[in-house]
Protein backbone atom coordinates (compact mmCIF):
# COMPACT_ATOMS: atom_id res chain seq x y z
CA ARG A 1 0.04 -0.01 -0.04
CA THR A 2 1.32 3.44 -0.97
CA PHE A 3 0.67 6.66 0.98
CA LYS A 4 1.07 9.72 -1.08
CA ASN A 5 3.08 12.63 0.27
CA ALA A 6 3.24 10.80 3.76
CA LYS A 7 5.91 11.20 6.61
CA PHE A 8 7.92 8.12 7.30
CA PRO A 9 7.61 8.22 11.14
CA GLU A 10 3.83 8.67 11.02
CA ILE A 11 3.41 5.66 8.77
CA VAL A 12 5.75 3.44 10.91
CA GLU A 13 3.60 4.50 13.96
CA ARG A 14 0.41 3.64 12.13
CA THR A 15 1.87 0.21 10.97
CA ARG A 16 2.79 -0.66 14.64
CA VAL A 17 -0.77 0.26 15.86
CA ALA A 18 -2.34 -1.78 13.13
CA LEU A 19 -0.15 -4.67 13.78
CA SER A 20 -1.12 -4.56 17.57
CA SER A 21 -4.71 -4.43 16.61
CA GLN A 22 -4.37 -7.68 14.86
CA GLY A 23 -2.42 -9.37 17.82
CA PHE A 24 0.98 -8.91 16.43
CA GLY A 25 3.91 -7.69 18.27
CA VAL A 26 7.33 -6.46 16.79
CA LEU A 27 9.92 -8.88 17.70
CA THR A 28 12.78 -7.41 15.52
CA GLU A 29 13.38 -4.11 13.77
CA ILE A 30 15.98 -3.49 11.21
CA ASP A 31 16.75 0.01 10.07
CA VAL A 32 18.19 -0.94 6.71
CA LYS A 33 19.07 2.72 5.88
CA ALA A 34 21.26 3.10 9.08
CA THR A 35 22.72 -0.36 8.70
CA LEU A 36 23.82 0.12 5.10
CA LYS A 37 25.20 3.44 5.83
CA LYS A 38 27.31 2.12 8.70
CA LYS A 39 28.41 -1.21 6.97
CA ILE A 40 29.08 0.02 3.48
CA ASP A 41 28.60 3.90 3.59
CA ALA A 42 25.71 3.56 1.17
CA ASP A 43 23.01 6.19 1.27
CA ILE A 44 19.46 4.97 0.78
CA ALA A 45 15.93 6.30 1.47
CA ASP A 46 14.16 5.37 4.81
CA TYR A 47 13.67 1.71 4.83
CA LEU A 48 12.43 -0.35 7.95
CA ILE A 49 11.84 -4.07 8.28
CA LEU A 50 9.55 -4.96 11.21
CA GLY A 51 9.41 -8.65 12.11
CA ALA A 52 6.00 -9.12 13.33
CA CYS A 53 4.70 -12.12 15.07
CA ASN A 54 1.12 -13.19 16.40
CA PRO A 55 2.06 -15.40 19.20
CA ASN A 56 -1.08 -17.59 19.07
CA MET A 57 -0.66 -18.12 15.30
CA ALA A 58 3.02 -18.82 15.82
CA HIS A 59 2.36 -21.33 18.42
CA GLU A 60 -0.35 -23.07 16.32
CA ALA A 61 2.01 -23.17 13.37
CA MET A 62 4.90 -24.56 15.44
CA LYS A 63 2.67 -27.38 16.76
CA ILE A 64 1.87 -28.35 13.32
CA GLU A 65 5.36 -28.11 11.99
CA PRO A 66 8.23 -27.49 14.48
CA ARG A 67 10.65 -26.28 11.86
CA VAL A 68 8.46 -23.55 10.67
CA GLY A 69 10.37 -21.14 13.02
CA ALA A 70 12.86 -20.81 10.13
CA MET A 71 10.20 -18.88 8.24
CA LEU A 72 9.22 -16.61 11.20
CA PRO A 73 8.53 -13.83 11.91
CA CYS A 74 6.45 -12.23 9.27
CA ASN A 75 8.36 -9.23 7.73
CA VAL A 76 6.53 -6.00 7.18
CA ILE A 77 8.49 -3.31 5.22
CA VAL A 78 7.95 0.43 5.58
CA ARG A 79 9.99 2.35 2.95
CA ALA A 80 10.28 5.76 1.32
CA VAL A 81 9.68 6.03 -2.41
CA GLY A 82 10.28 9.58 -3.44
CA ASP A 83 7.71 11.70 -1.45
CA ASP A 84 5.50 8.53 -0.75
CA ILE A 85 5.72 5.80 1.86
CA GLU A 86 5.11 2.13 0.88
CA VAL A 87 4.12 -0.66 3.28
CA SER A 88 4.20 -4.23 2.23
CA ALA A 89 4.09 -7.48 4.16
CA ILE A 90 5.26 -11.01 3.32
CA ASP A 91 2.68 -13.47 1.99
CA PRO A 92 2.63 -16.25 4.46
CA VAL A 93 0.89 -18.65 2.16
CA ALA A 94 3.76 -18.19 -0.45
CA SER A 95 6.42 -18.45 2.19
CA MET A 96 5.02 -21.77 3.41
CA MET A 97 4.77 -23.43 -0.01
CA GLY A 98 7.99 -25.37 0.66
CA ILE A 99 6.26 -27.30 3.45
CA ASP A 100 3.91 -29.83 2.30
CA ASN A 101 1.23 -29.61 4.91
CA ALA A 102 -2.36 -28.71 4.17
CA THR A 103 -3.22 -27.68 7.82
CA LEU A 104 -0.06 -25.45 7.90
CA LYS A 105 -1.35 -23.75 4.63
CA THR A 106 -4.75 -23.14 6.38
CA VAL A 107 -2.99 -21.35 9.21
CA ALA A 108 -0.76 -19.44 6.65
CA GLY A 109 -3.96 -18.52 4.91
CA ASN A 110 -5.44 -17.06 8.28
CA VAL A 111 -2.26 -15.03 9.02
CA ARG A 112 -2.36 -13.66 5.35
CA GLY A 113 -5.80 -12.43 6.16
CA MET A 114 -4.71 -10.79 9.42
CA LEU A 115 -1.83 -9.08 7.53
CA GLU A 116 -4.15 -7.87 4.91
CA HIS A 117 -6.31 -6.26 7.54
CA VAL A 118 -3.10 -4.69 8.97
CA VAL A 119 -2.12 -3.13 5.72
CA ALA A 120 -5.76 -1.88 5.10
CA GLU A 121 -6.04 -0.38 8.61
CA ILE A 122 -2.78 1.72 8.33
């Protein structure tokens, strides 16, 4: 989802609130802009990766497939594109394609719906 002429900090905060409203917490936060500047002296636009987790859904998925943790948490990206801010989230259904388990795919579908609500709520 793209927000025209928006302010990065405002959209980050709205994203956090929307994640929380769907039961997600932010487990990890990567400031890609700061990291690339520090590591390789590269200048890029604001770019933040939020590693979001809904504990109930993660627990359910781990009971079905204990190794699913390699695919968690769900990354949500907030990035500047010119004067606009773009928010996007991983598609859990696509990320679970490598595991042949119909029950897990159902859980992933539920998480997909929750993340769609998050992005729509921002």
